[in-house]
PDB file of N, CA and C in Angstrom:
ATOM      1  N   ASN A   1      -4.177 -58.945 -44.518  1.00  0.00           N
ATOM      2  CA  ASN A   1      -2.745 -58.596 -44.993  1.00  0.00           C
ATOM      3  C   ASN A   1      -2.521 -56.854 -44.713  1.00  0.00           C
ATOM      4  N   THR A   2      -3.328 -56.163 -43.934  1.00  0.00           N
ATOM      5  CA  THR A   2      -2.938 -54.801 -43.448  1.00  0.00           C
ATOM      6  C   THR A   2      -1.845 -54.814 -42.649  1.00  0.00           C
ATOM      7  N   PRO A   3      -0.856 -53.807 -43.422  1.00  0.00           N
ATOM      8  CA  PRO A   3       0.611 -53.470 -42.780  1.00  0.00           C
ATOM      9  C   PRO A   3       0.281 -53.184 -41.288  1.00  0.00           C
ATOM     10  N   ASP A   4       1.254 -53.614 -40.301  1.00  0.00           N
ATOM     11  CA  ASP A   4       1.343 -52.778 -38.973  1.00  0.00           C
ATOM     12  C   ASP A   4       2.439 -51.929 -39.060  1.00  0.00           C
ATOM     13  N   PHE A   5       2.130 -50.938 -38.340  1.00  0.00           N
ATOM     14  CA  PHE A   5       3.085 -49.982 -38.209  1.00  0.00           C
ATOM     15  C   PHE A   5       4.096 -50.108 -36.713  1.00  0.00           C
ATOM     16  N   ASN A   6       5.211 -50.160 -37.117  1.00  0.00           N
ATOM     17  CA  ASN A   6       6.051 -50.174 -35.818  1.00  0.00           C
ATOM     18  C   ASN A   6       6.428 -48.989 -35.293  1.00  0.00           C
ATOM     19  N   LYS A   7       6.979 -48.836 -34.166  1.00  0.00           N
ATOM     20  CA  LYS A   7       7.457 -47.732 -33.637  1.00  0.00           C
ATOM     21  C   LYS A   7       8.346 -46.618 -34.529  1.00  0.00           C
ATOM     22  N   SER A   8       9.166 -47.481 -35.114  1.00  0.00           N
ATOM     23  CA  SER A   8      10.094 -46.530 -35.914  1.00  0.00           C
ATOM     24  C   SER A   8       9.307 -46.102 -36.953  1.00  0.00           C
ATOM     25  N   GLU A   9       8.261 -46.571 -37.638  1.00  0.00           N
ATOM     26  CA  GLU A   9       7.807 -46.078 -38.772  1.00  0.00           C
ATOM     27  C   GLU A   9       6.576 -44.943 -38.230  1.00  0.00           C
ATOM     28  N   LEU A  10       6.277 -45.018 -36.997  1.00  0.00           N
ATOM     29  CA  LEU A  10       5.084 -44.012 -36.718  1.00  0.00           C
ATOM     30  C   LEU A  10       6.350 -42.826 -36.323  1.00  0.00           C
ATOM     31  N   ASP A  11       7.160 -42.869 -35.821  1.00  0.00           N
ATOM     32  CA  ASP A  11       8.213 -41.944 -35.309  1.00  0.00           C
ATOM     33  C   ASP A  11       8.728 -41.061 -36.910  1.00  0.00           C
ATOM     34  N   LEU A  12       8.777 -41.874 -37.854  1.00  0.00           N
ATOM     35  CA  LEU A  12       9.249 -41.301 -38.972  1.00  0.00           C
ATOM     36  C   LEU A  12       8.074 -40.469 -39.788  1.00  0.00           C
ATOM     37  N   LEU A  13       6.952 -41.014 -39.510  1.00  0.00           N
ATOM     38  CA  LEU A  13       5.649 -40.245 -39.924  1.00  0.00           C
ATOM     39  C   LEU A  13       5.497 -38.772 -39.240  1.00  0.00           C
ATOM     40  N   LYS A  14       5.616 -39.127 -37.960  1.00  0.00           N
ATOM     41  CA  LYS A  14       5.599 -37.979 -37.121  1.00  0.00           C
ATOM     42  C   LYS A  14       6.674 -36.935 -37.220  1.00  0.00           C
ATOM     43  N   ASP A  15       8.129 -37.303 -37.731  1.00  0.00           N
ATOM     44  CA  ASP A  15       8.914 -36.574 -38.087  1.00  0.00           C
ATOM     45  C   ASP A  15       8.908 -35.641 -39.373  1.00  0.00           C
ATOM     46  N   CYS A  16       8.335 -36.457 -40.303  1.00  0.00           N
ATOM     47  CA  CYS A  16       7.781 -35.857 -41.720  1.00  0.00           C
ATOM     48  C   CYS A  16       6.469 -34.410 -41.464  1.00  0.00           C
ATOM     49  N   TYR A  17       5.826 -35.139 -40.474  1.00  0.00           N
ATOM     50  CA  TYR A  17       4.380 -34.255 -40.673  1.00  0.00           C
ATOM     51  C   TYR A  17       5.029 -33.340 -39.575  1.00  0.00           C
ATOM     52  N   GLU A  18       5.932 -32.957 -38.613  1.00  0.00           N
ATOM     53  CA  GLU A  18       6.480 -31.936 -38.068  1.00  0.00           C
ATOM     54  C   GLU A  18       7.304 -30.876 -39.164  1.00  0.00           C
ATOM     55  N   PHE A  19       8.010 -31.262 -40.336  1.00  0.00           N
ATOM     56  CA  PHE A  19       8.651 -30.578 -41.318  1.00  0.00           C
ATOM     57  C   PHE A  19       8.093 -29.077 -41.333  1.00  0.00           C
ATOM     58  N   SER A  20       6.469 -28.772 -41.491  1.00  0.00           N
ATOM     59  CA  SER A  20       6.094 -27.315 -41.399  1.00  0.00           C
ATOM     60  C   SER A  20       6.441 -26.666 -40.263  1.00  0.00           C
ATOM     61  N   LYS A  21       6.466 -27.641 -39.032  1.00  0.00           N
ATOM     62  CA  LYS A  21       6.709 -26.694 -37.946  1.00  0.00           C
ATOM     63  C   LYS A  21       7.772 -26.251 -37.729  1.00  0.00           C
ATOM     64  N   ALA A  22       8.947 -27.019 -38.091  1.00  0.00           N
ATOM     65  CA  ALA A  22      10.416 -26.451 -38.234  1.00  0.00           C
ATOM     66  C   ALA A  22      10.471 -25.477 -39.492  1.00  0.00           C
ATOM     67  N   VAL A  23       9.686 -25.643 -40.352  1.00  0.00           N
ATOM     68  CA  VAL A  23      10.090 -24.214 -41.337  1.00  0.00           C
ATOM     69  C   VAL A  23       9.455 -23.018 -40.783  1.00  0.00           C
ATOM     70  N   ASN A  24       8.275 -23.135 -40.127  1.00  0.00           N
ATOM     71  CA  ASN A  24       7.683 -22.096 -39.507  1.00  0.00           C
ATOM     72  C   ASN A  24       8.591 -21.647 -38.457  1.00  0.00           C
ATOM     73  N   GLU A  25       9.279 -22.305 -37.501  1.00  0.00           N
ATOM     74  CA  GLU A  25      10.123 -21.796 -36.610  1.00  0.00           C
ATOM     75  C   GLU A  25      11.506 -21.097 -37.096  1.00  0.00           C
ATOM     76  N   ALA A  26      11.949 -21.854 -38.140  1.00  0.00           N
ATOM     77  CA  ALA A  26      13.144 -20.853 -39.037  1.00  0.00           C
ATOM     78  C   ALA A  26      12.679 -19.290 -39.518  1.00  0.00           C
ATOM     79  N   ALA A  27      11.757 -19.519 -40.073  1.00  0.00           N
ATOM     80  CA  ALA A  27      10.851 -18.371 -40.412  1.00  0.00           C
ATOM     81  C   ALA A  27      10.477 -17.448 -39.440  1.00  0.00           C
ATOM     82  N   ARG A  28      10.539 -17.704 -38.290  1.00  0.00           N
ATOM     83  CA  ARG A  28       9.739 -17.031 -37.058  1.00  0.00           C
ATOM     84  C   ARG A  28      11.391 -16.374 -36.533  1.00  0.00           C
ATOM     85  N   THR A  29      12.144 -17.192 -36.779  1.00  0.00           N
ATOM     86  CA  THR A  29      13.455 -16.667 -35.742  1.00  0.00           C
ATOM     87  C   THR A  29      14.453 -16.106 -36.879  1.00  0.00           C
ATOM     88  N   PHE A  30      14.034 -16.250 -37.919  1.00  0.00           N
ATOM     89  CA  PHE A  30      15.152 -15.903 -39.096  1.00  0.00           C
ATOM     90  C   PHE A  30      16.466 -16.754 -38.843  1.00  0.00           C
ATOM     91  N   ASN A  31      16.300 -18.149 -38.886  1.00  0.00           N
ATOM     92  CA  ASN A  31      17.536 -19.068 -38.836  1.00  0.00           C
ATOM     93  C   ASN A  31      17.246 -20.425 -39.102  1.00  0.00           C
ATOM     94  N   PRO A  32      17.794 -20.464 -40.407  1.00  0.00           N
ATOM     95  CA  PRO A  32      17.772 -21.399 -41.281  1.00  0.00           C
ATOM     96  C   PRO A  32      18.284 -22.821 -40.745  1.00  0.00           C
ATOM     97  N   ALA A  33      19.249 -22.548 -39.745  1.00  0.00           N
ATOM     98  CA  ALA A  33      19.914 -23.803 -39.190  1.00  0.00           C
ATOM     99  C   ALA A  33      18.709 -24.933 -38.672  1.00  0.00           C
ATOM    100  N   GLY A  34      17.731 -24.461 -37.959  1.00  0.00           N
ATOM    101  CA  GLY A  34      16.570 -25.204 -37.768  1.00  0.00           C
ATOM    102  C   GLY A  34      16.189 -26.162 -38.794  1.00  0.00           C
ATOM    103  N   ILE A  35      16.299 -25.541 -39.921  1.00  0.00           N
ATOM    104  CA  ILE A  35      15.792 -26.578 -41.188  1.00  0.00           C
ATOM    105  C   ILE A  35      16.941 -27.698 -41.272  1.00  0.00           C
ATOM    106  N   ALA A  36      18.106 -26.968 -41.335  1.00  0.00           N
ATOM    107  CA  ALA A  36      19.216 -28.066 -41.402  1.00  0.00           C
ATOM    108  C   ALA A  36      19.157 -29.174 -40.166  1.00  0.00           C
ATOM    109  N   ASN A  37      19.276 -28.441 -39.218  1.00  0.00           N
ATOM    110  CA  ASN A  37      18.870 -29.748 -37.986  1.00  0.00           C
ATOM    111  C   ASN A  37      17.759 -30.621 -38.012  1.00  0.00           C
ATOM    112  N   TYR A  38      16.732 -30.173 -38.557  1.00  0.00           N
ATOM    113  CA  TYR A  38      15.485 -30.533 -38.837  1.00  0.00           C
ATOM    114  C   TYR A  38      16.026 -32.075 -39.956  1.00  0.00           C
ATOM    115  N   ALA A  39      16.477 -31.631 -40.998  1.00  0.00           N
ATOM    116  CA  ALA A  39      16.958 -32.549 -42.191  1.00  0.00           C
ATOM    117  C   ALA A  39      18.000 -33.779 -41.713  1.00  0.00           C
ATOM    118  N   TYR A  40      18.914 -32.976 -41.155  1.00  0.00           N
ATOM    119  CA  TYR A  40      19.770 -34.290 -40.393  1.00  0.00           C
ATOM    120  C   TYR A  40      19.197 -35.031 -39.371  1.00  0.00           C
ATOM    121  N   ASN A  41      18.316 -34.718 -38.534  1.00  0.00           N
ATOM    122  CA  ASN A  41      17.729 -35.559 -37.685  1.00  0.00           C
ATOM    123  C   ASN A  41      16.973 -36.495 -38.518  1.00  0.00           C
ATOM    124  N   LEU A  42      16.210 -36.003 -39.418  1.00  0.00           N
ATOM    125  CA  LEU A  42      15.297 -36.854 -40.332  1.00  0.00           C
ATOM    126  C   LEU A  42      16.119 -38.006 -41.001  1.00  0.00           C
ATOM    127  N   ALA A  43      17.234 -37.382 -41.652  1.00  0.00           N
ATOM    128  CA  ALA A  43      17.960 -38.503 -42.360  1.00  0.00           C
ATOM    129  C   ALA A  43      18.671 -39.411 -41.273  1.00  0.00           C
ATOM    130  N   LYS A  44      19.081 -39.026 -40.156  1.00  0.00           N
ATOM    131  CA  LYS A  44      19.680 -39.984 -39.159  1.00  0.00           C
ATOM    132  C   LYS A  44      18.719 -41.075 -38.800  1.00  0.00           C
ATOM    133  N   ASN A  45      17.664 -40.656 -38.562  1.00  0.00           N
ATOM    134  CA  ASN A  45      16.218 -41.429 -37.755  1.00  0.00           C
ATOM    135  C   ASN A  45      15.808 -42.411 -39.382  1.00  0.00           C
ATOM    136  N   TYR A  46      15.800 -42.028 -40.440  1.00  0.00           N
ATOM    137  CA  TYR A  46      15.871 -42.785 -41.698  1.00  0.00           C
ATOM    138  C   TYR A  46      16.765 -43.845 -41.819  1.00  0.00           C
ATOM    139  N   ASN A  47      17.971 -43.547 -41.722  1.00  0.00           N
ATOM    140  CA  ASN A  47      19.273 -44.252 -41.988  1.00  0.00           C
ATOM    141  C   ASN A  47      19.443 -45.360 -40.698  1.00  0.00           C
ATOM    142  N   LYS A  48      18.720 -44.894 -39.387  1.00  0.00           N
ATOM    143  CA  LYS A  48      18.545 -46.172 -38.499  1.00  0.00           C
ATOM    144  C   LYS A  48      17.588 -47.155 -38.766  1.00  0.00           C
ATOM    145  N   TYR A  49      16.387 -46.646 -39.281  1.00  0.00           N
ATOM    146  CA  TYR A  49      15.186 -47.467 -39.758  1.00  0.00           C
ATOM    147  C   TYR A  49      15.616 -48.448 -40.927  1.00  0.00           C
ATOM    148  N   TYR A  50      16.248 -47.875 -41.868  1.00  0.00           N
ATOM    149  CA  TYR A  50      16.588 -48.666 -43.108  1.00  0.00           C
ATOM    150  C   TYR A  50      17.476 -49.858 -42.641  1.00  0.00           C
ATOM    151  N   GLN A  51      18.429 -49.425 -41.453  1.00  0.00           N
ATOM    152  CA  GLN A  51      19.119 -50.570 -41.201  1.00  0.00           C
ATOM    153  C   GLN A  51      18.710 -51.851 -40.355  1.00  0.00           C
ATOM    154  N   GLU A  52      17.632 -51.299 -39.652  1.00  0.00           N
ATOM    155  CA  GLU A  52      16.920 -52.249 -38.804  1.00  0.00           C
ATOM    156  C   GLU A  52      15.671 -53.142 -39.421  1.00  0.00           C
ATOM    157  N   TYR A  53      15.432 -52.741 -40.612  1.00  0.00           N
ATOM    158  CA  TYR A  53      14.193 -53.057 -41.167  1.00  0.00           C
ATOM    159  C   TYR A  53      14.171 -53.371 -42.627  1.00  0.00           C
ATOM    160  N   LYS A  54      13.588 -54.478 -43.189  1.00  0.00           N
ATOM    161  CA  LYS A  54      13.999 -54.793 -44.596  1.00  0.00           C
ATOM    162  C   LYS A  54      12.558 -54.130 -45.068  1.00  0.00           C
ATOM    163  N   ILE A  55      12.932 -53.604 -46.321  1.00  0.00           N
ATOM    164  CA  ILE A  55      11.957 -52.873 -46.977  1.00  0.00           C
ATOM    165  C   ILE A  55      11.802 -53.356 -48.456  1.00  0.00           C
ATOM    166  N   LEU A  56      12.497 -54.147 -49.278  1.00  0.00           N
ATOM    167  CA  LEU A  56      12.136 -54.776 -50.436  1.00  0.00           C
ATOM    168  C   LEU A  56      12.262 -56.126 -50.320  1.00  0.00           C
ATOM    169  N   LYS A  57      12.583 -56.452 -49.200  1.00  0.00           N
ATOM    170  CA  LYS A  57      12.715 -58.223 -48.826  1.00  0.00           C
ATOM    171  C   LYS A  57      11.549 -58.190 -47.726  1.00  0.00           C
ATOM    172  N   THR A  58      10.821 -57.525 -47.524  1.00  0.00           N
ATOM    173  CA  THR A  58       9.681 -57.732 -46.639  1.00  0.00           C
ATOM    174  C   THR A  58       8.802 -58.761 -47.071  1.00  0.00           C
ATOM    175  N   GLU A  59       8.174 -59.739 -46.539  1.00  0.00           N
ATOM    176  CA  GLU A  59       7.357 -60.758 -47.235  1.00  0.00           C
ATOM    177  C   GLU A  59       6.134 -60.293 -47.414  1.00  0.00           C
ATOM    178  N   ASN A  60       5.143 -59.476 -46.633  1.00  0.00           N
ATOM    179  CA  ASN A  60       3.830 -58.942 -46.848  1.00  0.00           C
ATOM    180  C   ASN A  60       3.934 -57.938 -47.468  1.00  0.00           C
ATOM    181  N   PRO A  61       3.358 -58.100 -48.557  1.00  0.00           N
ATOM    182  CA  PRO A  61       3.216 -56.870 -49.677  1.00  0.00           C
ATOM    183  C   PRO A  61       2.521 -55.635 -49.246  1.00  0.00           C
ATOM    184  N   ASP A  62       1.869 -55.705 -48.556  1.00  0.00           N
ATOM    185  CA  ASP A  62       1.096 -54.743 -48.274  1.00  0.00           C
ATOM    186  C   ASP A  62       2.154 -53.619 -47.277  1.00  0.00           C
ATOM    187  N   THR A  63       3.068 -54.319 -46.401  1.00  0.00           N
ATOM    188  CA  THR A  63       4.035 -54.011 -45.600  1.00  0.00           C
ATOM    189  C   THR A  63       5.043 -53.177 -46.356  1.00  0.00           C
ATOM    190  N   LYS A  64       5.335 -53.746 -47.455  1.00  0.00           N
ATOM    191  CA  LYS A  64       6.237 -53.575 -48.068  1.00  0.00           C
ATOM    192  C   LYS A  64       6.087 -52.270 -48.908  1.00  0.00           C
ATOM    193  N   HIS A  65       4.527 -52.176 -49.600  1.00  0.00           N
ATOM    194  CA  HIS A  65       4.136 -51.179 -50.171  1.00  0.00           C
ATOM    195  C   HIS A  65       4.206 -50.030 -49.419  1.00  0.00           C
ATOM    196  N   MET A  66       3.754 -49.979 -48.096  1.00  0.00           N
ATOM    197  CA  MET A  66       3.762 -49.045 -47.072  1.00  0.00           C
ATOM    198  C   MET A  66       5.371 -48.418 -46.668  1.00  0.00           C
ATOM    199  N   ARG A  67       5.960 -49.561 -46.733  1.00  0.00           N
ATOM    200  CA  ARG A  67       7.549 -48.833 -46.519  1.00  0.00           C
ATOM    201  C   ARG A  67       8.212 -48.520 -47.544  1.00  0.00           C
ATOM    202  N   LEU A  68       7.770 -48.360 -48.862  1.00  0.00           N
ATOM    203  CA  LEU A  68       8.149 -47.694 -49.904  1.00  0.00           C
ATOM    204  C   LEU A  68       7.617 -46.446 -49.889  1.00  0.00           C
ATOM    205  N   GLN A  69       6.470 -46.367 -49.687  1.00  0.00           N
ATOM    206  CA  GLN A  69       5.702 -44.917 -49.638  1.00  0.00           C
ATOM    207  C   GLN A  69       6.216 -44.295 -48.413  1.00  0.00           C
ATOM    208  N   LEU A  70       6.414 -44.640 -47.323  1.00  0.00           N
ATOM    209  CA  LEU A  70       7.005 -44.244 -46.038  1.00  0.00           C
ATOM    210  C   LEU A  70       8.488 -43.444 -46.743  1.00  0.00           C
ATOM    211  N   SER A  71       9.269 -44.313 -47.558  1.00  0.00           N
ATOM    212  CA  SER A  71      10.366 -44.015 -47.934  1.00  0.00           C
ATOM    213  C   SER A  71      10.743 -42.862 -48.843  1.00  0.00           C
ATOM    214  N   GLN A  72       9.508 -42.861 -49.817  1.00  0.00           N
ATOM    215  CA  GLN A  72       9.440 -41.910 -50.867  1.00  0.00           C
ATOM    216  C   GLN A  72       8.974 -40.578 -49.945  1.00  0.00           C
ATOM    217  N   LEU A  73       8.077 -40.444 -48.917  1.00  0.00           N
ATOM    218  CA  LEU A  73       7.573 -39.436 -48.256  1.00  0.00           C
ATOM    219  C   LEU A  73       8.972 -38.651 -47.483  1.00  0.00           C
ATOM    220  N   VAL A  74       9.901 -39.703 -46.810  1.00  0.00           N
ATOM    221  CA  VAL A  74      11.074 -39.284 -46.251  1.00  0.00           C
ATOM    222  C   VAL A  74      11.934 -38.225 -47.407  1.00  0.00           C
ATOM    223  N   VAL A  75      12.111 -38.854 -48.611  1.00  0.00           N
ATOM    224  CA  VAL A  75      12.867 -38.395 -49.727  1.00  0.00           C
ATOM    225  C   VAL A  75      12.261 -37.128 -50.196  1.00  0.00           C
ATOM    226  N   ILE A  76      10.878 -36.708 -50.355  1.00  0.00           N
ATOM    227  CA  ILE A  76      10.175 -35.618 -50.734  1.00  0.00           C
ATOM    228  C   ILE A  76      10.594 -34.644 -49.396  1.00  0.00           C
ATOM    229  N   THR A  77      10.420 -35.149 -48.519  1.00  0.00           N
ATOM    230  CA  THR A  77      10.533 -33.990 -47.238  1.00  0.00           C
ATOM    231  C   THR A  77      11.920 -33.687 -47.257  1.00  0.00           C
ATOM    232  N   LEU A  78      13.123 -34.400 -47.245  1.00  0.00           N
ATOM    233  CA  LEU A  78      14.112 -33.990 -47.402  1.00  0.00           C
ATOM    234  C   LEU A  78      14.606 -33.232 -48.626  1.00  0.00           C
ATOM    235  N   HIS A  79      14.091 -33.450 -49.750  1.00  0.00           N
ATOM    236  CA  HIS A  79      14.348 -32.854 -50.998  1.00  0.00           C
ATOM    237  C   HIS A  79      13.688 -31.180 -50.753  1.00  0.00           C
ATOM    238  N   LYS A  80      12.494 -30.843 -49.993  1.00  0.00           N
ATOM    239  CA  LYS A  80      11.964 -29.878 -49.421  1.00  0.00           C
ATOM    240  C   LYS A  80      12.890 -29.071 -48.829  1.00  0.00           C
ATOM    241  N   ALA A  81      13.240 -29.554 -47.853  1.00  0.00           N
ATOM    242  CA  ALA A  81      14.138 -29.283 -46.721  1.00  0.00           C
ATOM    243  C   ALA A  81      15.375 -28.520 -47.308  1.00  0.00           C
ATOM    244  N   MET A  82      16.159 -29.493 -48.339  1.00  0.00           N
ATOM    245  CA  MET A  82      17.262 -28.993 -48.844  1.00  0.00           C
ATOM    246  C   MET A  82      17.294 -28.027 -49.743  1.00  0.00           C
ATOM    247  N   THR A  83      15.877 -27.833 -50.668  1.00  0.00           N
ATOM    248  CA  THR A  83      15.674 -26.910 -51.683  1.00  0.00           C
ATOM    249  C   THR A  83      15.389 -25.542 -50.758  1.00  0.00           C
ATOM    250  N   LEU A  84      14.791 -25.320 -49.906  1.00  0.00           N
ATOM    251  CA  LEU A  84      15.016 -24.479 -48.874  1.00  0.00           C
ATOM    252  C   LEU A  84      16.083 -23.812 -48.754  1.00  0.00           C
ATOM    253  N   LEU A  85      16.970 -24.734 -48.343  1.00  0.00           N
ATOM    254  CA  LEU A  85      18.254 -24.281 -47.844  1.00  0.00           C
ATOM    255  C   LEU A  85      19.305 -23.900 -48.780  1.00  0.00           C
ATOM    256  N   GLY A  86      18.733 -24.123 -50.392  1.00  0.00           N
ATOM    257  CA  GLY A  86      19.560 -23.726 -51.446  1.00  0.00           C
ATOM    258  C   GLY A  86      20.577 -24.720 -51.538  1.00  0.00           C
ATOM    259  N   ILE A  87      20.277 -25.990 -51.068  1.00  0.00           N
ATOM    260  CA  ILE A  87      21.296 -27.453 -51.505  1.00  0.00           C
ATOM    261  C   ILE A  87      20.683 -28.414 -52.559  1.00  0.00           C
ATOM    262  N   LYS A  88      21.494 -28.662 -53.454  1.00  0.00           N
ATOM    263  CA  LYS A  88      20.913 -29.488 -54.551  1.00  0.00           C
ATOM    264  C   LYS A  88      21.447 -30.710 -54.248  1.00  0.00           C
ATOM    265  N   LEU A  89      20.297 -31.672 -54.400  1.00  0.00           N
ATOM    266  CA  LEU A  89      20.700 -33.325 -53.826  1.00  0.00           C
ATOM    267  C   LEU A  89      20.953 -34.316 -55.060  1.00  0.00           C
ATOM    268  N   PRO A  90      21.737 -35.035 -54.983  1.00  0.00           N
ATOM    269  CA  PRO A  90      21.986 -35.912 -56.106  1.00  0.00           C
ATOM    270  C   PRO A  90      20.692 -36.558 -56.497  1.00  0.00           C
ATOM    271  N   THR A  91      20.259 -37.054 -57.831  1.00  0.00           N
ATOM    272  CA  THR A  91      19.186 -37.906 -58.058  1.00  0.00           C
ATOM    273  C   THR A  91      19.565 -39.396 -57.718  1.00  0.00           C
ATOM    274  N   ARG A  92      20.776 -39.903 -57.503  1.00  0.00           N
ATOM    275  CA  ARG A  92      21.005 -41.245 -57.368  1.00  0.00           C
ATOM    276  C   ARG A  92      22.309 -41.047 -56.612  1.00  0.00           C
ATOM    277  N   MET A  93      22.559 -42.182 -55.454  1.00  0.00           N
ATOM    278  CA  MET A  93      23.367 -42.581 -54.621  1.00  0.00           C
ATOM    279  C   MET A  93      24.116 -43.840 -54.975  1.00  0.00           C
TER     280      MET A  93
END
């Protein structure tokens, strides 16, 4: 029952992993737009993923848990990016 990661999930993990790279580059160049662009692309990629794959209705409980954890990682990463930009996010949509 181990979940299999699909390409979109691996890409999202990679995107989240590259957050520190985006922050370091923005600091090095004194250009916060890099963080904004990073956050926009992460949100866009997650939205595409969310439209393509079931999360709560996934039959395999391990896959469901993994997708919920991945979603939480994206939320945390976007929250950090927005905090660095001084933007407050809503707690619910």
